[in-house]
C-alpha atoms as a PDB file:
ATOM      1  CA  MET A   1      79.940 -15.693 351.781  1.00  0.00           C
ATOM      2  CA  PHE A   2      82.037 -13.180 352.929  1.00  0.00           C
ATOM      3  CA  SER A   3      84.507 -13.461 355.682  1.00  0.00           C
ATOM      4  CA  SER A   4      86.306 -11.297 358.112  1.00  0.00           C
ATOM      5  CA  SER A   5      89.287 -12.503 357.604  1.00  0.00           C
ATOM      6  CA  GLN A   6      89.007 -11.700 353.050  1.00  0.00           C
ATOM      7  CA  SER A   7      91.333  -8.845 352.313  1.00  0.00           C
ATOM      8  CA  PRO A   8      89.453  -5.529 351.237  1.00  0.00           C
ATOM      9  CA  SER A   9      90.320  -6.800 347.432  1.00  0.00           C
ATOM     10  CA  GLU A  10      87.464  -9.647 347.103  1.00  0.00           C
ATOM     11  CA  GLN A  11      85.190  -7.619 349.528  1.00  0.00           C
ATOM     12  CA  PHE A  12      84.652  -5.603 346.616  1.00  0.00           C
ATOM     13  CA  LEU A  13      85.956  -5.766 343.492  1.00  0.00           C
ATOM     14  CA  THR A  14      87.234  -8.968 342.272  1.00  0.00           C
ATOM     15  CA  LEU A  15      89.939  -8.634 339.454  1.00  0.00           C
ATOM     16  CA  GLU A  16      87.335 -10.174 336.956  1.00  0.00           C
ATOM     17  CA  GLU A  17      84.989  -7.509 338.287  1.00  0.00           C
ATOM     18  CA  SER A  18      87.788  -4.804 337.878  1.00  0.00           C
ATOM     19  CA  ALA A  19      88.974  -5.535 334.235  1.00  0.00           C
ATOM     20  CA  LYS A  20      85.809  -5.547 333.109  1.00  0.00           C
ATOM     21  CA  VAL A  21      85.143  -1.482 334.398  1.00  0.00           C
ATOM     22  CA  ASP A  22      88.768  -0.896 332.941  1.00  0.00           C
ATOM     23  CA  ALA A  23      87.268  -2.670 330.074  1.00  0.00           C
ATOM     24  CA  ALA A  24      84.011  -0.601 329.681  1.00  0.00           C
ATOM     25  CA  LEU A  25      84.092   2.156 327.589  1.00  0.00           C
ATOM     26  CA  LEU A  26      83.001   4.869 330.213  1.00  0.00           C
ATOM     27  CA  SER A  27      85.378   8.009 332.045  1.00  0.00           C
ATOM     28  CA  SER A  28      87.741   7.704 334.878  1.00  0.00           C
ATOM     29  CA  SER A  29      85.278   9.376 337.158  1.00  0.00           C
ATOM     30  CA  GLU A  30      82.253   6.622 336.195  1.00  0.00           C
ATOM     31  CA  LYS A  31      84.582   3.782 336.318  1.00  0.00           C
ATOM     32  CA  PHE A  32      85.209   5.230 339.625  1.00  0.00           C
ATOM     33  CA  LEU A  33      80.964   5.147 340.302  1.00  0.00           C
ATOM     34  CA  THR A  34      80.613   1.855 338.549  1.00  0.00           C
ATOM     35  CA  ARG A  35      82.763   0.420 340.895  1.00  0.00           C
ATOM     36  CA  LEU A  36      81.814   1.877 344.104  1.00  0.00           C
ATOM     37  CA  THR A  37      78.363   0.772 342.905  1.00  0.00           C
ATOM     38  CA  ILE A  38      79.443  -3.033 343.099  1.00  0.00           C
ATOM     39  CA  SER A  39      81.297  -2.405 345.623  1.00  0.00           C
ATOM     40  CA  SER A  40      78.188  -0.590 348.007  1.00  0.00           C
ATOM     41  CA  HIS A  41      75.371  -3.838 346.479  1.00  0.00           C
ATOM     42  CA  LYS A  42      78.243  -6.386 347.496  1.00  0.00           C
ATOM     43  CA  LEU A  43      78.111  -4.447 351.170  1.00  0.00           C
ATOM     44  CA  LEU A  44      75.008  -3.983 351.391  1.00  0.00           C
ATOM     45  CA  LYS A  45      74.362  -8.234 349.878  1.00  0.00           C
ATOM     46  CA  HIS A  46      76.396  -8.563 353.428  1.00  0.00           C
ATOM     47  CA  ILE A  47      74.521  -6.416 355.369  1.00  0.00           C
ATOM     48  CA  ALA A  48      70.689  -7.555 354.968  1.00  0.00           C
ATOM     49  CA  GLN A  49      72.471 -10.541 354.816  1.00  0.00           C
ATOM     50  CA  GLU A  50      73.530 -10.495 358.488  1.00  0.00           C
ATOM     51  CA  TYR A  51      69.723  -8.302 359.156  1.00  0.00           C
ATOM     52  CA  GLY A  52      67.841 -11.485 357.608  1.00  0.00           C
ATOM     53  CA  VAL A  53      66.125  -9.345 355.136  1.00  0.00           C
ATOM     54  CA  THR A  54      66.227  -8.762 351.491  1.00  0.00           C
ATOM     55  CA  ILE A  55      68.642  -5.497 350.267  1.00  0.00           C
ATOM     56  CA  GLU A  56      65.186  -3.971 349.145  1.00  0.00           C
ATOM     57  CA  ASN A  57      63.988  -3.887 353.209  1.00  0.00           C
ATOM     58  CA  LEU A  58      67.130  -2.860 354.375  1.00  0.00           C
ATOM     59  CA  THR A  59      66.714  -0.055 356.517  1.00  0.00           C
ATOM     60  CA  THR A  60      68.616   3.338 357.092  1.00  0.00           C
ATOM     61  CA  GLN A  61      68.643   2.647 360.015  1.00  0.00           C
ATOM     62  CA  GLN A  62      70.542  -0.535 359.609  1.00  0.00           C
ATOM     63  CA  ILE A  63      72.702   0.316 357.752  1.00  0.00           C
ATOM     64  CA  VAL A  64      74.161   2.865 359.315  1.00  0.00           C
ATOM     65  CA  ALA A  65      74.556   0.678 363.003  1.00  0.00           C
ATOM     66  CA  TRP A  66      75.874  -1.474 361.412  1.00  0.00           C
ATOM     67  CA  PHE A  67      78.558   0.484 360.012  1.00  0.00           C
ATOM     68  CA  GLU A  68      78.532   1.769 364.229  1.00  0.00           C
ATOM     69  CA  LYS A  69      78.291  -1.791 365.169  1.00  0.00           C
ATOM     70  CA  ASP A  70      81.832  -2.454 362.284  1.00  0.00           C
ATOM     71  CA  SER A  71      83.763   0.412 363.751  1.00  0.00           C
ATOM     72  CA  LYS A  72      83.389  -0.241 367.047  1.00  0.00           C
ATOM     73  CA  ILE A  73      84.969  -3.576 366.598  1.00  0.00           C
ATOM     74  CA  ARG A  74      87.582  -1.888 364.421  1.00  0.00           C
ATOM     75  CA  MET A  75      88.562   0.003 367.304  1.00  0.00           C
ATOM     76  CA  GLU A  76      87.958  -1.973 369.998  1.00  0.00           C
ATOM     77  CA  GLN A  77      89.611  -4.894 369.082  1.00  0.00           C
ATOM     78  CA  GLY A  78      91.627  -3.830 365.601  1.00  0.00           C
ATOM     79  CA  VAL A  79      90.846  -3.576 361.632  1.00  0.00           C
ATOM     80  CA  GLU A  80      91.739  -7.373 361.196  1.00  0.00           C
ATOM     81  CA  ALA A  81      88.088  -8.781 363.301  1.00  0.00           C
ATOM     82  CA  ALA A  82      86.450  -6.044 361.790  1.00  0.00           C
ATOM     83  CA  PHE A  83      84.746  -6.450 358.571  1.00  0.00           C
ATOM     84  CA  LEU A  84      85.892  -3.298 356.450  1.00  0.00           C
ATOM     85  CA  LYS A  85      89.474  -3.423 356.434  1.00  0.00           C
ATOM     86  CA  TRP A  86      90.510   0.404 356.163  1.00  0.00           C
END
């Protein structure tokens, strides 16, 4: 589904998704929260897939561990090797 070679915009919001959020009758802060929620959902799907569980069964501990692992990859191998590109 996701690969580490995807750009941040592909990982989080597609142009189509962004356009739909822009077209919504929402305030700027609501649009920001909507984008964040969509992006978070995609990231949670990826994390759940790595653990072989459903999103509903992900634990806080697994999410934190995943971020620690991705951060370690970024520090040791560089930004391009990590899933999150920031």
